[in-house]
Amino acid sequence: MPENWKTHKLETLAERVCVGFVGTCHKFYTEKGIGVPMIRTTNLTARSLDLSEVQYISRDFHEKQKKSQLKKGDILIARHGTNGQACLYELDEDANCLNVVIVGCVQLSVSLG
């Protein structure tokens, strides 16, 4: 790392750093028209989300899983499978995530001095 770079703990830059829901949620899967997207590590691709095979969970289950609810601007990082693969959650719709690291509302300022 270059000498002039500053380092910070991620927890000092982010509103939250946590892992989304961990466990089995198959019994809460439902149809697209009535459910909420459940983002899994398989949905994370190189710098973007692939929603072609996204699963949907019941709205009730989504509401109970507050910690794993996604907000626009969250950074999502694969926790297993494709470890470390990351992308930005840019959708305005409600979503939840399964076994994905969430880094919420990162506050960065860059100084080019």
PDB file of N, CA and C in Angstrom:
ATOM      1  N   MET A   1       0.843  -1.173   0.000  1.00  0.00           N
ATOM      2  CA  MET A   1       0.000   0.000   0.000  1.00  0.00           C
ATOM      3  C   MET A   1       0.896   1.246   0.000  1.00  0.00           C
ATOM      4  N   PRO A   2       0.578   2.232  -0.825  1.00  0.00           N
ATOM      5  CA  PRO A   2       1.379   3.462  -0.855  1.00  0.00           C
ATOM      6  C   PRO A   2       1.411   4.148   0.514  1.00  0.00           C
ATOM      7  N   GLU A   3       2.515   4.750   0.841  1.00  0.00           N
ATOM      8  CA  GLU A   3       2.704   5.380   2.148  1.00  0.00           C
ATOM      9  C   GLU A   3       1.696   6.483   2.436  1.00  0.00           C
ATOM     10  N   ASN A   4       1.267   7.194   1.417  1.00  0.00           N
ATOM     11  CA  ASN A   4       0.382   8.333   1.648  1.00  0.00           C
ATOM     12  C   ASN A   4      -1.102   7.956   1.752  1.00  0.00           C
ATOM     13  N   TRP A   5      -1.427   6.675   1.666  1.00  0.00           N
ATOM     14  CA  TRP A   5      -2.815   6.236   1.805  1.00  0.00           C
ATOM     15  C   TRP A   5      -3.180   6.174   3.286  1.00  0.00           C
ATOM     16  N   LYS A   6      -4.357   6.639   3.610  1.00  0.00           N
ATOM     17  CA  LYS A   6      -4.852   6.530   4.970  1.00  0.00           C
ATOM     18  C   LYS A   6      -5.662   5.239   5.086  1.00  0.00           C
ATOM     19  N   THR A   7      -5.638   4.649   6.249  1.00  0.00           N
ATOM     20  CA  THR A   7      -6.448   3.455   6.474  1.00  0.00           C
ATOM     21  C   THR A   7      -7.491   3.747   7.554  1.00  0.00           C
ATOM     22  N   HIS A   8      -8.640   3.095   7.414  1.00  0.00           N
ATOM     23  CA  HIS A   8      -9.731   3.232   8.378  1.00  0.00           C
ATOM     24  C   HIS A   8     -10.370   1.873   8.553  1.00  0.00           C
ATOM     25  N   LYS A   9     -10.898   1.629   9.720  1.00  0.00           N
ATOM     26  CA  LYS A   9     -11.689   0.423   9.913  1.00  0.00           C
ATOM     27  C   LYS A   9     -13.012   0.622   9.192  1.00  0.00           C
ATOM     28  N   LEU A  10     -13.464  -0.410   8.512  1.00  0.00           N
ATOM     29  CA  LEU A  10     -14.697  -0.321   7.747  1.00  0.00           C
ATOM     30  C   LEU A  10     -15.869   0.116   8.621  1.00  0.00           C
ATOM     31  N   GLU A  11     -15.892  -0.338   9.860  1.00  0.00           N
ATOM     32  CA  GLU A  11     -17.001   0.018  10.752  1.00  0.00           C
ATOM     33  C   GLU A  11     -17.069   1.517  11.044  1.00  0.00           C
ATOM     34  N   THR A  12     -15.978   2.246  10.844  1.00  0.00           N
ATOM     35  CA  THR A  12     -16.006   3.698  11.047  1.00  0.00           C
ATOM     36  C   THR A  12     -16.508   4.434   9.807  1.00  0.00           C
ATOM     37  N   LEU A  13     -16.563   3.766   8.678  1.00  0.00           N
ATOM     38  CA  LEU A  13     -17.002   4.388   7.425  1.00  0.00           C
ATOM     39  C   LEU A  13     -18.412   3.997   7.029  1.00  0.00           C
ATOM     40  N   ALA A  14     -18.917   2.916   7.592  1.00  0.00           N
ATOM     41  CA  ALA A  14     -20.202   2.379   7.173  1.00  0.00           C
ATOM     42  C   ALA A  14     -21.245   2.501   8.288  1.00  0.00           C
ATOM     43  N   GLU A  15     -22.472   2.672   7.871  1.00  0.00           N
ATOM     44  CA  GLU A  15     -23.586   2.723   8.811  1.00  0.00           C
ATOM     45  C   GLU A  15     -23.787   1.363   9.480  1.00  0.00           C
ATOM     46  N   ARG A  16     -23.549   0.306   8.698  1.00  0.00           N
ATOM     47  CA  ARG A  16     -23.664  -1.051   9.241  1.00  0.00           C
ATOM     48  C   ARG A  16     -22.802  -2.006   8.429  1.00  0.00           C
ATOM     49  N   VAL A  17     -22.304  -3.019   9.114  1.00  0.00           N
ATOM     50  CA  VAL A  17     -21.592  -4.127   8.486  1.00  0.00           C
ATOM     51  C   VAL A  17     -22.144  -5.371   9.168  1.00  0.00           C
ATOM     52  N   CYS A  18     -22.808  -6.228   8.389  1.00  0.00           N
ATOM     53  CA  CYS A  18     -23.422  -7.416   8.978  1.00  0.00           C
ATOM     54  C   CYS A  18     -23.578  -8.501   7.917  1.00  0.00           C
ATOM     55  N   VAL A  19     -23.985  -9.653   8.373  1.00  0.00           N
ATOM     56  CA  VAL A  19     -24.275 -10.762   7.472  1.00  0.00           C
ATOM     57  C   VAL A  19     -25.787 -10.877   7.381  1.00  0.00           C
ATOM     58  N   GLY A  20     -26.285 -11.030   6.164  1.00  0.00           N
ATOM     59  CA  GLY A  20     -27.716 -11.215   5.968  1.00  0.00           C
ATOM     60  C   GLY A  20     -28.198 -12.497   6.618  1.00  0.00           C
ATOM     61  N   PHE A  21     -29.448 -12.831   6.420  1.00  0.00           N
ATOM     62  CA  PHE A  21     -30.044 -14.013   7.025  1.00  0.00           C
ATOM     63  C   PHE A  21     -29.174 -15.242   6.758  1.00  0.00           C
ATOM     64  N   VAL A  22     -28.964 -16.035   7.800  1.00  0.00           N
ATOM     65  CA  VAL A  22     -28.227 -17.294   7.671  1.00  0.00           C
ATOM     66  C   VAL A  22     -29.147 -18.394   8.171  1.00  0.00           C
ATOM     67  N   GLY A  23     -29.430 -19.338   7.319  1.00  0.00           N
ATOM     68  CA  GLY A  23     -30.309 -20.438   7.690  1.00  0.00           C
ATOM     69  C   GLY A  23     -31.084 -20.923   6.484  1.00  0.00           C
ATOM     70  N   THR A  24     -32.050 -21.770   6.752  1.00  0.00           N
ATOM     71  CA  THR A  24     -32.882 -22.308   5.690  1.00  0.00           C
ATOM     72  C   THR A  24     -34.131 -21.457   5.558  1.00  0.00           C
ATOM     73  N   CYS A  25     -34.419 -21.047   4.345  1.00  0.00           N
ATOM     74  CA  CYS A  25     -35.616 -20.230   4.139  1.00  0.00           C
ATOM     75  C   CYS A  25     -36.496 -20.780   3.020  1.00  0.00           C
ATOM     76  N   HIS A  26     -36.229 -22.019   2.593  1.00  0.00           N
ATOM     77  CA  HIS A  26     -37.009 -22.623   1.507  1.00  0.00           C
ATOM     78  C   HIS A  26     -38.510 -22.582   1.759  1.00  0.00           C
ATOM     79  N   LYS A  27     -38.916 -22.796   3.008  1.00  0.00           N
ATOM     80  CA  LYS A  27     -40.355 -22.835   3.301  1.00  0.00           C
ATOM     81  C   LYS A  27     -41.005 -21.451   3.198  1.00  0.00           C
ATOM     82  N   PHE A  28     -40.190 -20.397   3.076  1.00  0.00           N
ATOM     83  CA  PHE A  28     -40.724 -19.043   2.951  1.00  0.00           C
ATOM     84  C   PHE A  28     -40.710 -18.541   1.509  1.00  0.00           C
ATOM     85  N   TYR A  29     -40.213 -19.372   0.582  1.00  0.00           N
ATOM     86  CA  TYR A  29     -40.196 -18.970  -0.828  1.00  0.00           C
ATOM     87  C   TYR A  29     -41.622 -18.878  -1.353  1.00  0.00           C
ATOM     88  N   THR A  30     -41.818 -17.932  -2.242  1.00  0.00           N
ATOM     89  CA  THR A  30     -43.128 -17.703  -2.821  1.00  0.00           C
ATOM     90  C   THR A  30     -42.961 -17.226  -4.268  1.00  0.00           C
ATOM     91  N   GLU A  31     -44.020 -16.753  -4.859  1.00  0.00           N
ATOM     92  CA  GLU A  31     -43.988 -16.330  -6.260  1.00  0.00           C
ATOM     93  C   GLU A  31     -43.548 -14.880  -6.402  1.00  0.00           C
ATOM     94  N   LYS A  32     -43.048 -14.561  -7.567  1.00  0.00           N
ATOM     95  CA  LYS A  32     -42.529 -13.228  -7.865  1.00  0.00           C
ATOM     96  C   LYS A  32     -43.556 -12.127  -7.610  1.00  0.00           C
ATOM     97  N   GLY A  33     -44.747 -12.296  -8.058  1.00  0.00           N
ATOM     98  CA  GLY A  33     -45.753 -11.247  -7.949  1.00  0.00           C
ATOM     99  C   GLY A  33     -46.163 -10.875  -6.536  1.00  0.00           C
ATOM    100  N   ILE A  34     -45.967 -11.789  -5.585  1.00  0.00           N
ATOM    101  CA  ILE A  34     -46.387 -11.519  -4.213  1.00  0.00           C
ATOM    102  C   ILE A  34     -45.230 -11.489  -3.220  1.00  0.00           C
ATOM    103  N   GLY A  35     -44.030 -11.859  -3.665  1.00  0.00           N
ATOM    104  CA  GLY A  35     -42.892 -11.941  -2.760  1.00  0.00           C
ATOM    105  C   GLY A  35     -41.892 -10.822  -2.913  1.00  0.00           C
ATOM    106  N   VAL A  36     -40.871 -10.895  -2.089  1.00  0.00           N
ATOM    107  CA  VAL A  36     -39.766  -9.938  -2.054  1.00  0.00           C
ATOM    108  C   VAL A  36     -38.506 -10.680  -2.507  1.00  0.00           C
ATOM    109  N   PRO A  37     -37.681 -10.081  -3.360  1.00  0.00           N
ATOM    110  CA  PRO A  37     -36.465 -10.768  -3.799  1.00  0.00           C
ATOM    111  C   PRO A  37     -35.555 -11.150  -2.624  1.00  0.00           C
ATOM    112  N   MET A  38     -35.032 -12.370  -2.664  1.00  0.00           N
ATOM    113  CA  MET A  38     -34.056 -12.845  -1.686  1.00  0.00           C
ATOM    114  C   MET A  38     -32.740 -13.003  -2.433  1.00  0.00           C
ATOM    115  N   ILE A  39     -31.850 -12.045  -2.263  1.00  0.00           N
ATOM    116  CA  ILE A  39     -30.565 -12.038  -2.961  1.00  0.00           C
ATOM    117  C   ILE A  39     -29.635 -13.051  -2.292  1.00  0.00           C
ATOM    118  N   ARG A  40     -29.094 -13.965  -3.103  1.00  0.00           N
ATOM    119  CA  ARG A  40     -28.170 -14.993  -2.623  1.00  0.00           C
ATOM    120  C   ARG A  40     -26.811 -14.788  -3.293  1.00  0.00           C
ATOM    121  N   THR A  41     -25.808 -15.473  -2.805  1.00  0.00           N
ATOM    122  CA  THR A  41     -24.474 -15.313  -3.391  1.00  0.00           C
ATOM    123  C   THR A  41     -24.466 -15.662  -4.871  1.00  0.00           C
ATOM    124  N   THR A  42     -25.343 -16.562  -5.292  1.00  0.00           N
ATOM    125  CA  THR A  42     -25.398 -16.920  -6.709  1.00  0.00           C
ATOM    126  C   THR A  42     -25.912 -15.771  -7.576  1.00  0.00           C
ATOM    127  N   ASN A  43     -26.529 -14.779  -6.957  1.00  0.00           N
ATOM    128  CA  ASN A  43     -27.018 -13.615  -7.700  1.00  0.00           C
ATOM    129  C   ASN A  43     -25.952 -12.538  -7.864  1.00  0.00           C
ATOM    130  N   LEU A  44     -24.840 -12.672  -7.139  1.00  0.00           N
ATOM    131  CA  LEU A  44     -23.768 -11.681  -7.234  1.00  0.00           C
ATOM    132  C   LEU A  44     -22.819 -12.076  -8.358  1.00  0.00           C
ATOM    133  N   THR A  45     -22.656 -11.173  -9.305  1.00  0.00           N
ATOM    134  CA  THR A  45     -21.709 -11.416 -10.389  1.00  0.00           C
ATOM    135  C   THR A  45     -20.689 -10.288 -10.384  1.00  0.00           C
ATOM    136  N   ALA A  46     -19.810 -10.294 -11.324  1.00  0.00           N
ATOM    137  CA  ALA A  46     -18.762  -9.268 -11.376  1.00  0.00           C
ATOM    138  C   ALA A  46     -19.384  -7.874 -11.448  1.00  0.00           C
ATOM    139  N   ARG A  47     -19.452  -7.236 -10.313  1.00  0.00           N
ATOM    140  CA  ARG A  47     -19.905  -5.850 -10.173  1.00  0.00           C
ATOM    141  C   ARG A  47     -21.386  -5.598 -10.443  1.00  0.00           C
ATOM    142  N   SER A  48     -22.207  -6.637 -10.503  1.00  0.00           N
ATOM    143  CA  SER A  48     -23.630  -6.409 -10.730  1.00  0.00           C
ATOM    144  C   SER A  48     -24.448  -7.563 -10.156  1.00  0.00           C
ATOM    145  N   LEU A  49     -25.751  -7.365 -10.131  1.00  0.00           N
ATOM    146  CA  LEU A  49     -26.672  -8.411  -9.692  1.00  0.00           C
ATOM    147  C   LEU A  49     -27.253  -9.117 -10.902  1.00  0.00           C
ATOM    148  N   ASP A  50     -27.346 -10.421 -10.823  1.00  0.00           N
ATOM    149  CA  ASP A  50     -28.019 -11.211 -11.849  1.00  0.00           C
ATOM    150  C   ASP A  50     -29.318 -11.707 -11.222  1.00  0.00           C
ATOM    151  N   LEU A  51     -30.419 -11.107 -11.611  1.00  0.00           N
ATOM    152  CA  LEU A  51     -31.705 -11.453 -11.021  1.00  0.00           C
ATOM    153  C   LEU A  51     -32.492 -12.456 -11.853  1.00  0.00           C
ATOM    154  N   SER A  52     -31.837 -13.069 -12.849  1.00  0.00           N
ATOM    155  CA  SER A  52     -32.535 -14.006 -13.722  1.00  0.00           C
ATOM    156  C   SER A  52     -33.037 -15.244 -12.967  1.00  0.00           C
ATOM    157  N   GLU A  53     -32.355 -15.644 -11.907  1.00  0.00           N
ATOM    158  CA  GLU A  53     -32.784 -16.813 -11.134  1.00  0.00           C
ATOM    159  C   GLU A  53     -32.979 -16.470  -9.661  1.00  0.00           C
ATOM    160  N   VAL A  54     -33.406 -15.250  -9.394  1.00  0.00           N
ATOM    161  CA  VAL A  54     -33.615 -14.835  -8.010  1.00  0.00           C
ATOM    162  C   VAL A  54     -34.828 -15.554  -7.425  1.00  0.00           C
ATOM    163  N   GLN A  55     -34.754 -15.871  -6.150  1.00  0.00           N
ATOM    164  CA  GLN A  55     -35.871 -16.467  -5.418  1.00  0.00           C
ATOM    165  C   GLN A  55     -36.639 -15.339  -4.726  1.00  0.00           C
ATOM    166  N   TYR A  56     -37.890 -15.597  -4.396  1.00  0.00           N
ATOM    167  CA  TYR A  56     -38.726 -14.613  -3.699  1.00  0.00           C
ATOM    168  C   TYR A  56     -39.215 -15.212  -2.394  1.00  0.00           C
ATOM    169  N   ILE A  57     -39.221 -14.394  -1.343  1.00  0.00           N
ATOM    170  CA  ILE A  57     -39.694 -14.821  -0.028  1.00  0.00           C
ATOM    171  C   ILE A  57     -40.975 -14.067   0.309  1.00  0.00           C
ATOM    172  N   SER A  58     -41.726 -14.600   1.250  1.00  0.00           N
ATOM    173  CA  SER A  58     -42.970 -13.943   1.663  1.00  0.00           C
ATOM    174  C   SER A  58     -42.654 -12.586   2.284  1.00  0.00           C
ATOM    175  N   ARG A  59     -43.564 -11.658   2.122  1.00  0.00           N
ATOM    176  CA  ARG A  59     -43.391 -10.326   2.697  1.00  0.00           C
ATOM    177  C   ARG A  59     -43.307 -10.418   4.220  1.00  0.00           C
ATOM    178  N   ASP A  60     -44.063 -11.321   4.825  1.00  0.00           N
ATOM    179  CA  ASP A  60     -44.041 -11.492   6.273  1.00  0.00           C
ATOM    180  C   ASP A  60     -42.644 -11.904   6.755  1.00  0.00           C
ATOM    181  N   PHE A  61     -42.041 -12.872   6.073  1.00  0.00           N
ATOM    182  CA  PHE A  61     -40.690 -13.312   6.429  1.00  0.00           C
ATOM    183  C   PHE A  61     -39.703 -12.154   6.242  1.00  0.00           C
ATOM    184  N   HIS A  62     -39.837 -11.417   5.160  1.00  0.00           N
ATOM    185  CA  HIS A  62     -38.975 -10.255   4.892  1.00  0.00           C
ATOM    186  C   HIS A  62     -39.064  -9.246   6.039  1.00  0.00           C
ATOM    187  N   GLU A  63     -40.269  -8.939   6.477  1.00  0.00           N
ATOM    188  CA  GLU A  63     -40.465  -7.947   7.543  1.00  0.00           C
ATOM    189  C   GLU A  63     -39.821  -8.392   8.857  1.00  0.00           C
ATOM    190  N   LYS A  64     -39.788  -9.691   9.111  1.00  0.00           N
ATOM    191  CA  LYS A  64     -39.199 -10.213  10.343  1.00  0.00           C
ATOM    192  C   LYS A  64     -37.669 -10.206  10.300  1.00  0.00           C
ATOM    193  N   GLN A  65     -37.097 -10.168   9.107  1.00  0.00           N
ATOM    194  CA  GLN A  65     -35.636 -10.223   8.947  1.00  0.00           C
ATOM    195  C   GLN A  65     -35.089  -8.814   8.701  1.00  0.00           C
ATOM    196  N   LYS A  66     -35.217  -7.947   9.684  1.00  0.00           N
ATOM    197  CA  LYS A  66     -34.816  -6.539   9.552  1.00  0.00           C
ATOM    198  C   LYS A  66     -33.328  -6.396   9.227  1.00  0.00           C
ATOM    199  N   LYS A  67     -32.498  -7.186   9.905  1.00  0.00           N
ATOM    200  CA  LYS A  67     -31.044  -7.058   9.754  1.00  0.00           C
ATOM    201  C   LYS A  67     -30.594  -7.303   8.321  1.00  0.00           C
ATOM    202  N   SER A  68     -31.297  -8.160   7.606  1.00  0.00           N
ATOM    203  CA  SER A  68     -30.851  -8.527   6.265  1.00  0.00           C
ATOM    204  C   SER A  68     -31.625  -7.814   5.157  1.00  0.00           C
ATOM    205  N   GLN A  69     -32.417  -6.819   5.520  1.00  0.00           N
ATOM    206  CA  GLN A  69     -33.114  -6.028   4.504  1.00  0.00           C
ATOM    207  C   GLN A  69     -32.115  -5.110   3.813  1.00  0.00           C
ATOM    208  N   LEU A  70     -32.237  -5.020   2.503  1.00  0.00           N
ATOM    209  CA  LEU A  70     -31.295  -4.228   1.719  1.00  0.00           C
ATOM    210  C   LEU A  70     -31.818  -2.833   1.445  1.00  0.00           C
ATOM    211  N   LYS A  71     -30.872  -1.910   1.354  1.00  0.00           N
ATOM    212  CA  LYS A  71     -31.185  -0.525   1.003  1.00  0.00           C
ATOM    213  C   LYS A  71     -30.361  -0.154  -0.225  1.00  0.00           C
ATOM    214  N   LYS A  72     -30.921   0.704  -1.048  1.00  0.00           N
ATOM    215  CA  LYS A  72     -30.190   1.178  -2.210  1.00  0.00           C
ATOM    216  C   LYS A  72     -28.879   1.799  -1.730  1.00  0.00           C
ATOM    217  N   GLY A  73     -27.779   1.405  -2.366  1.00  0.00           N
ATOM    218  CA  GLY A  73     -26.464   1.899  -1.985  1.00  0.00           C
ATOM    219  C   GLY A  73     -25.657   0.933  -1.138  1.00  0.00           C
ATOM    220  N   ASP A  74     -26.293  -0.154  -0.658  1.00  0.00           N
ATOM    221  CA  ASP A  74     -25.558  -1.160   0.111  1.00  0.00           C
ATOM    222  C   ASP A  74     -24.573  -1.888  -0.798  1.00  0.00           C
ATOM    223  N   ILE A  75     -23.422  -2.217  -0.256  1.00  0.00           N
ATOM    224  CA  ILE A  75     -22.456  -3.060  -0.953  1.00  0.00           C
ATOM    225  C   ILE A  75     -22.701  -4.486  -0.479  1.00  0.00           C
ATOM    226  N   LEU A  76     -22.838  -5.407  -1.423  1.00  0.00           N
ATOM    227  CA  LEU A  76     -23.086  -6.814  -1.116  1.00  0.00           C
ATOM    228  C   LEU A  76     -21.844  -7.617  -1.454  1.00  0.00           C
ATOM    229  N   ILE A  77     -21.414  -8.459  -0.524  1.00  0.00           N
ATOM    230  CA  ILE A  77     -20.199  -9.253  -0.703  1.00  0.00           C
ATOM    231  C   ILE A  77     -20.533 -10.721  -0.463  1.00  0.00           C
ATOM    232  N   ALA A  78     -20.151 -11.580  -1.398  1.00  0.00           N
ATOM    233  CA  ALA A  78     -20.401 -13.021  -1.267  1.00  0.00           C
ATOM    234  C   ALA A  78     -19.644 -13.570  -0.065  1.00  0.00           C
ATOM    235  N   ARG A  79     -20.347 -14.315   0.753  1.00  0.00           N
ATOM    236  CA  ARG A  79     -19.757 -14.892   1.960  1.00  0.00           C
ATOM    237  C   ARG A  79     -19.266 -16.317   1.738  1.00  0.00           C
ATOM    238  N   HIS A  80     -19.783 -16.983   0.743  1.00  0.00           N
ATOM    239  CA  HIS A  80     -19.341 -18.344   0.420  1.00  0.00           C
ATOM    240  C   HIS A  80     -19.510 -18.551  -1.076  1.00  0.00           C
ATOM    241  N   GLY A  81     -19.067 -19.674  -1.564  1.00  0.00           N
ATOM    242  CA  GLY A  81     -19.142 -19.915  -3.011  1.00  0.00           C
ATOM    243  C   GLY A  81     -18.118 -19.068  -3.744  1.00  0.00           C
ATOM    244  N   THR A  82     -18.538 -17.932  -4.221  1.00  0.00           N
ATOM    245  CA  THR A  82     -17.618 -17.010  -4.908  1.00  0.00           C
ATOM    246  C   THR A  82     -17.146 -15.955  -3.906  1.00  0.00           C
ATOM    247  N   ASN A  83     -16.508 -16.399  -2.843  1.00  0.00           N
ATOM    248  CA  ASN A  83     -16.058 -15.519  -1.755  1.00  0.00           C
ATOM    249  C   ASN A  83     -15.465 -14.222  -2.262  1.00  0.00           C
ATOM    250  N   GLY A  84     -15.935 -13.127  -1.684  1.00  0.00           N
ATOM    251  CA  GLY A  84     -15.362 -11.824  -1.994  1.00  0.00           C
ATOM    252  C   GLY A  84     -15.962 -11.122  -3.194  1.00  0.00           C
ATOM    253  N   GLN A  85     -16.690 -11.834  -4.034  1.00  0.00           N
ATOM    254  CA  GLN A  85     -17.325 -11.176  -5.179  1.00  0.00           C
ATOM    255  C   GLN A  85     -18.298 -10.139  -4.630  1.00  0.00           C
ATOM    256  N   ALA A  86     -18.284  -8.941  -5.190  1.00  0.00           N
ATOM    257  CA  ALA A  86     -19.077  -7.858  -4.617  1.00  0.00           C
ATOM    258  C   ALA A  86     -19.770  -7.035  -5.685  1.00  0.00           C
ATOM    259  N   CYS A  87     -20.872  -6.414  -5.275  1.00  0.00           N
ATOM    260  CA  CYS A  87     -21.575  -5.485  -6.159  1.00  0.00           C
ATOM    261  C   CYS A  87     -22.383  -4.506  -5.318  1.00  0.00           C
ATOM    262  N   LEU A  88     -22.882  -3.498  -5.965  1.00  0.00           N
ATOM    263  CA  LEU A  88     -23.684  -2.477  -5.329  1.00  0.00           C
ATOM    264  C   LEU A  88     -25.158  -2.791  -5.529  1.00  0.00           C
ATOM    265  N   TYR A  89     -25.952  -2.665  -4.467  1.00  0.00           N
ATOM    266  CA  TYR A  89     -27.397  -2.850  -4.597  1.00  0.00           C
ATOM    267  C   TYR A  89     -27.979  -1.505  -5.032  1.00  0.00           C
ATOM    268  N   GLU A  90     -28.469  -1.455  -6.264  1.00  0.00           N
ATOM    269  CA  GLU A  90     -28.920  -0.187  -6.835  1.00  0.00           C
ATOM    270  C   GLU A  90     -30.420  -0.123  -7.092  1.00  0.00           C
ATOM    271  N   LEU A  91     -31.159  -1.120  -6.629  1.00  0.00           N
ATOM    272  CA  LEU A  91     -32.600  -1.144  -6.883  1.00  0.00           C
ATOM    273  C   LEU A  91     -33.353  -0.346  -5.822  1.00  0.00           C
ATOM    274  N   ASP A  92     -34.500   0.198  -6.224  1.00  0.00           N
ATOM    275  CA  ASP A  92     -35.353   0.935  -5.291  1.00  0.00           C
ATOM    276  C   ASP A  92     -36.329   0.027  -4.562  1.00  0.00           C
ATOM    277  N   GLU A  93     -36.462  -1.226  -5.007  1.00  0.00           N
ATOM    278  CA  GLU A  93     -37.454  -2.119  -4.416  1.00  0.00           C
ATOM    279  C   GLU A  93     -36.933  -2.813  -3.165  1.00  0.00           C
ATOM    280  N   ASP A  94     -37.890  -3.237  -2.310  1.00  0.00           N
ATOM    281  CA  ASP A  94     -37.547  -4.014  -1.123  1.00  0.00           C
ATOM    282  C   ASP A  94     -36.837  -5.292  -1.542  1.00  0.00           C
ATOM    283  N   ALA A  95     -35.850  -5.698  -0.768  1.00  0.00           N
ATOM    284  CA  ALA A  95     -35.158  -6.965  -0.994  1.00  0.00           C
ATOM    285  C   ALA A  95     -34.530  -7.399   0.322  1.00  0.00           C
ATOM    286  N   ASN A  96     -34.191  -8.659   0.383  1.00  0.00           N
ATOM    287  CA  ASN A  96     -33.544  -9.240   1.539  1.00  0.00           C
ATOM    288  C   ASN A  96     -32.368 -10.045   1.010  1.00  0.00           C
ATOM    289  N   CYS A  97     -31.530 -10.565   1.901  1.00  0.00           N
ATOM    290  CA  CYS A  97     -30.405 -11.351   1.391  1.00  0.00           C
ATOM    291  C   CYS A  97     -30.103 -12.531   2.300  1.00  0.00           C
ATOM    292  N   LEU A  98     -29.549 -13.540   1.684  1.00  0.00           N
ATOM    293  CA  LEU A  98     -29.244 -14.801   2.343  1.00  0.00           C
ATOM    294  C   LEU A  98     -27.743 -15.036   2.318  1.00  0.00           C
ATOM    295  N   ASN A  99     -27.125 -15.054   3.509  1.00  0.00           N
ATOM    296  CA  ASN A  99     -25.707 -15.392   3.630  1.00  0.00           C
ATOM    297  C   ASN A  99     -24.801 -14.478   2.814  1.00  0.00           C
ATOM    298  N   VAL A 100     -25.143 -13.210   2.768  1.00  0.00           N
ATOM    299  CA  VAL A 100     -24.372 -12.198   2.039  1.00  0.00           C
ATOM    300  C   VAL A 100     -23.935 -11.146   3.049  1.00  0.00           C
ATOM    301  N   VAL A 101     -22.700 -10.676   2.960  1.00  0.00           N
ATOM    302  CA  VAL A 101     -22.227  -9.595   3.821  1.00  0.00           C
ATOM    303  C   VAL A 101     -22.780  -8.287   3.275  1.00  0.00           C
ATOM    304  N   ILE A 102     -23.343  -7.479   4.160  1.00  0.00           N
ATOM    305  CA  ILE A 102     -23.896  -6.180   3.783  1.00  0.00           C
ATOM    306  C   ILE A 102     -23.022  -5.091   4.384  1.00  0.00           C
ATOM    307  N   VAL A 103     -22.561  -4.186   3.544  1.00  0.00           N
ATOM    308  CA  VAL A 103     -21.856  -2.990   4.009  1.00  0.00           C
ATOM    309  C   VAL A 103     -22.753  -1.832   3.611  1.00  0.00           C
ATOM    310  N   GLY A 104     -23.369  -1.213   4.606  1.00  0.00           N
ATOM    311  CA  GLY A 104     -24.380  -0.204   4.321  1.00  0.00           C
ATOM    312  C   GLY A 104     -23.877   1.219   4.398  1.00  0.00           C
ATOM    313  N   CYS A 105     -24.266   1.988   3.417  1.00  0.00           N
ATOM    314  CA  CYS A 105     -24.042   3.434   3.403  1.00  0.00           C
ATOM    315  C   CYS A 105     -22.592   3.809   3.698  1.00  0.00           C
ATOM    316  N   VAL A 106     -21.692   3.375   2.865  1.00  0.00           N
ATOM    317  CA  VAL A 106     -20.276   3.682   3.036  1.00  0.00           C
ATOM    318  C   VAL A 106     -20.052   5.175   2.803  1.00  0.00           C
ATOM    319  N   GLN A 107     -19.364   5.807   3.723  1.00  0.00           N
ATOM    320  CA  GLN A 107     -19.056   7.227   3.609  1.00  0.00           C
ATOM    321  C   GLN A 107     -17.577   7.381   3.259  1.00  0.00           C
ATOM    322  N   LEU A 108     -17.313   7.763   2.036  1.00  0.00           N
ATOM    323  CA  LEU A 108     -15.932   7.917   1.594  1.00  0.00           C
ATOM    324  C   LEU A 108     -15.704   9.341   1.108  1.00  0.00           C
ATOM    325  N   SER A 109     -14.546   9.866   1.404  1.00  0.00           N
ATOM    326  CA  SER A 109     -14.153  11.130   0.798  1.00  0.00           C
ATOM    327  C   SER A 109     -12.747  10.932   0.269  1.00  0.00           C
ATOM    328  N   VAL A 110     -12.537  11.409  -0.916  1.00  0.00           N
ATOM    329  CA  VAL A 110     -11.254  11.207  -1.572  1.00  0.00           C
ATOM    330  C   VAL A 110     -10.555  12.554  -1.695  1.00  0.00           C
ATOM    331  N   SER A 111      -9.326  12.580  -1.293  1.00  0.00           N
ATOM    332  CA  SER A 111      -8.527  13.792  -1.418  1.00  0.00           C
ATOM    333  C   SER A 111      -7.403  13.509  -2.391  1.00  0.00           C
ATOM    334  N   LEU A 112      -7.346  14.283  -3.449  1.00  0.00           N
ATOM    335  CA  LEU A 112      -6.293  14.114  -4.458  1.00  0.00           C
ATOM    336  C   LEU A 112      -5.293  15.253  -4.302  1.00  0.00           C
ATOM    337  N   GLY A 113      -4.527  15.216  -3.239  1.00  0.00           N
ATOM    338  CA  GLY A 113      -3.607  16.313  -2.971  1.00  0.00           C
ATOM    339  C   GLY A 113      -2.286  16.000  -3.382  1.00  0.00           C
TER     340      GLY A 113
END
